[in-house]
Amino acid sequence: MIPSRRPTPAPLSEGERGFGVIEIVVSMLLLSLLAIAFLPLLIKSLQVSVANATTATASQLVSKHMEQARAAGDTCSAITAFVGSTLPEVTDSRGMRYQSTRTIVVPCPATLADYPGTVGIRVSVAIVGSSVSPVTATSLIYLKAP
């Protein structure tokens, strides 16, 4: 039986040598500097994303309250009762708390001869414990009767 021999590798030429430890360390240093340069951008984008999500949630709550106001009825008494009802705080899945307020900004028509008419409703949703200005919407609602 002939013992198997491994072929001996040919000597490496100058262009075929691999990376040395110094080159690897330098490339890791450059990559880490690049990563550190992008870190503030990443942090700021996350902060903006959270702020946008909070504003979007508040906008959805405002829209929901406006739809409820339009569905409350087409009489002044129904709209007044709707606006006067108390609103609980709402907490989203991220733990942000929202407080809604509803006010009448254009009163109901004064006399029966002014009907049909409109009433103005303003809905505001504020983020509890935040200095961000509340999300607000105003709408006119058609009324058929007092």
Protein backbone atom coordinates (compact mmCIF):
# COMPACT_ATOMS: atom_id res chain seq x y z
CA MET A 1 0.00 0.00 0.00
CA ILE A 2 1.31 3.40 -0.97
CA PRO A 3 0.97 6.06 1.67
CA SER A 4 -1.08 9.02 0.46
CA ARG A 5 0.77 12.25 0.33
CA ARG A 6 -0.71 15.65 0.31
CA PRO A 7 0.51 17.88 -2.39
CA THR A 8 2.57 20.71 -1.03
CA PRO A 9 1.08 24.08 -1.79
CA ALA A 10 2.92 26.32 -4.14
CA PRO A 11 4.56 29.28 -2.51
CA LEU A 12 2.34 32.39 -2.49
CA SER A 13 3.32 35.18 -4.73
CA GLU A 14 3.31 38.80 -3.57
CA GLY A 15 -0.25 39.53 -4.79
CA GLU A 16 -1.79 36.40 -3.23
CA ARG A 17 -1.09 37.08 0.39
CA GLY A 18 -4.13 37.50 2.68
CA PHE A 19 -5.01 40.28 5.02
CA GLY A 20 -2.80 40.82 7.99
CA VAL A 21 -3.92 41.60 11.50
CA ILE A 22 -3.10 45.29 11.07
CA GLU A 23 -5.34 45.63 8.01
CA ILE A 24 -8.22 43.92 9.79
CA VAL A 25 -7.88 46.17 12.84
CA VAL A 26 -7.73 49.30 10.67
CA SER A 27 -10.84 48.26 8.71
CA MET A 28 -12.72 47.52 11.96
CA LEU A 29 -11.71 50.95 13.27
CA LEU A 30 -12.98 52.65 10.11
CA LEU A 31 -16.26 50.73 10.22
CA SER A 32 -16.78 51.62 13.88
CA LEU A 33 -16.15 55.32 13.16
CA LEU A 34 -18.72 55.15 10.38
CA ALA A 35 -21.24 53.48 12.69
CA ILE A 36 -20.68 56.10 15.39
CA ALA A 37 -21.23 58.87 12.84
CA PHE A 38 -24.68 57.44 11.95
CA LEU A 39 -25.75 56.83 15.56
CA PRO A 40 -27.16 60.36 16.18
CA LEU A 41 -29.12 60.13 12.95
CA LEU A 42 -30.62 56.82 14.06
CA ILE A 43 -31.55 58.19 17.50
CA LYS A 44 -33.18 61.30 16.02
CA SER A 45 -35.15 59.23 13.51
CA LEU A 46 -36.49 57.04 16.33
CA GLN A 47 -37.56 60.13 18.30
CA VAL A 48 -39.33 61.59 15.27
CA SER A 49 -41.02 58.25 14.64
CA VAL A 50 -42.40 58.15 18.20
CA ALA A 51 -43.63 61.77 17.92
CA ASN A 52 -45.33 61.02 14.60
CA ALA A 53 -47.01 57.91 16.00
CA THR A 54 -48.30 59.92 18.98
CA THR A 55 -49.68 62.66 16.74
CA ALA A 56 -51.28 60.09 14.44
CA THR A 57 -53.04 58.46 17.39
CA ALA A 58 -54.31 61.84 18.60
CA SER A 59 -55.54 62.62 15.08
CA GLN A 60 -57.41 59.33 14.94
CA LEU A 61 -59.08 60.14 18.27
CA VAL A 62 -60.13 63.57 16.97
CA SER A 63 -61.59 61.96 13.85
CA LYS A 64 -63.46 59.41 15.94
CA HIS A 65 -64.99 62.15 18.13
CA MET A 66 -66.04 64.12 15.05
CA GLU A 67 -67.76 61.05 13.59
CA GLN A 68 -69.53 60.51 16.92
CA ALA A 69 -70.64 64.16 16.95
CA ARG A 70 -72.13 63.84 13.48
CA ALA A 71 -73.87 60.61 14.51
CA ALA A 72 -75.16 62.06 17.80
CA GLY A 73 -78.17 63.56 16.11
CA ASP A 74 -79.41 66.50 14.15
CA THR A 75 -80.96 68.47 16.98
CA CYS A 76 -79.42 71.13 19.17
CA SER A 77 -80.31 69.24 22.35
CA ALA A 78 -78.61 66.04 21.11
CA ILE A 79 -75.42 67.89 20.15
CA THR A 80 -75.37 69.84 23.43
CA ALA A 81 -75.76 66.61 25.40
CA PHE A 82 -73.01 64.99 23.34
CA VAL A 83 -70.58 67.86 23.93
CA GLY A 84 -71.41 68.01 27.63
CA SER A 85 -70.65 64.33 28.29
CA THR A 86 -67.45 63.57 30.17
CA LEU A 87 -64.57 61.96 28.34
CA PRO A 88 -62.21 59.48 30.00
CA GLU A 89 -58.49 59.42 29.33
CA VAL A 90 -57.40 57.00 26.62
CA THR A 91 -54.13 55.06 26.88
CA ASP A 92 -52.57 53.53 23.79
CA SER A 93 -50.42 50.39 23.56
CA ARG A 94 -47.23 52.40 24.12
CA GLY A 95 -48.52 53.84 27.39
CA MET A 96 -49.20 57.36 26.05
CA ARG A 97 -52.25 58.97 27.63
CA TYR A 98 -54.64 61.23 25.71
CA GLN A 99 -57.28 63.58 27.11
CA SER A 100 -60.08 64.70 24.79
CA THR A 101 -62.23 67.81 25.12
CA ARG A 102 -65.27 68.83 23.10
CA THR A 103 -66.64 72.37 22.99
CA ILE A 104 -69.27 74.27 21.07
CA VAL A 105 -67.64 77.16 19.23
CA VAL A 106 -70.65 78.30 17.16
CA PRO A 107 -73.83 78.14 19.24
CA CYS A 108 -77.09 76.63 18.10
CA PRO A 109 -79.44 78.94 16.19
CA ALA A 110 -81.26 81.26 18.59
CA THR A 111 -84.78 81.10 17.20
CA LEU A 112 -86.94 78.44 15.65
CA ALA A 113 -87.04 80.46 12.43
CA ASP A 114 -83.26 79.98 12.08
CA TYR A 115 -83.65 76.22 11.62
CA PRO A 116 -82.34 74.36 9.74
CA GLY A 117 -78.99 75.71 10.88
CA THR A 118 -75.53 74.69 12.01
CA VAL A 119 -73.59 74.36 15.23
CA GLY A 120 -69.81 74.48 15.45
CA ILE A 121 -67.97 71.79 17.41
CA ARG A 122 -64.27 71.81 18.32
CA VAL A 123 -62.57 68.62 19.43
CA SER A 124 -59.09 68.72 20.96
CA VAL A 125 -56.93 65.80 22.03
CA ALA A 126 -53.94 66.58 24.24
CA ILE A 127 -51.14 64.23 25.20
CA VAL A 128 -51.14 64.07 29.00
CA GLY A 129 -47.84 65.23 30.49
CA SER A 130 -46.46 66.48 27.18
CA SER A 131 -45.65 69.97 25.97
CA VAL A 132 -46.77 69.08 22.44
CA SER A 133 -49.70 71.22 21.36
CA PRO A 134 -53.01 69.35 21.18
CA VAL A 135 -54.47 68.07 17.94
CA THR A 136 -57.61 70.10 17.23
CA ALA A 137 -60.37 70.01 14.64
CA THR A 138 -63.45 72.20 14.20
CA SER A 139 -66.52 71.27 12.21
CA LEU A 140 -70.01 72.54 11.54
CA ILE A 141 -72.85 70.10 12.09
CA TYR A 142 -76.18 70.48 10.32
CA LEU A 143 -79.19 70.79 12.64
CA LYS A 144 -82.81 70.26 11.67
CA ALA A 145 -84.45 71.22 14.95
CA PRO A 146 -83.71 72.62 18.42
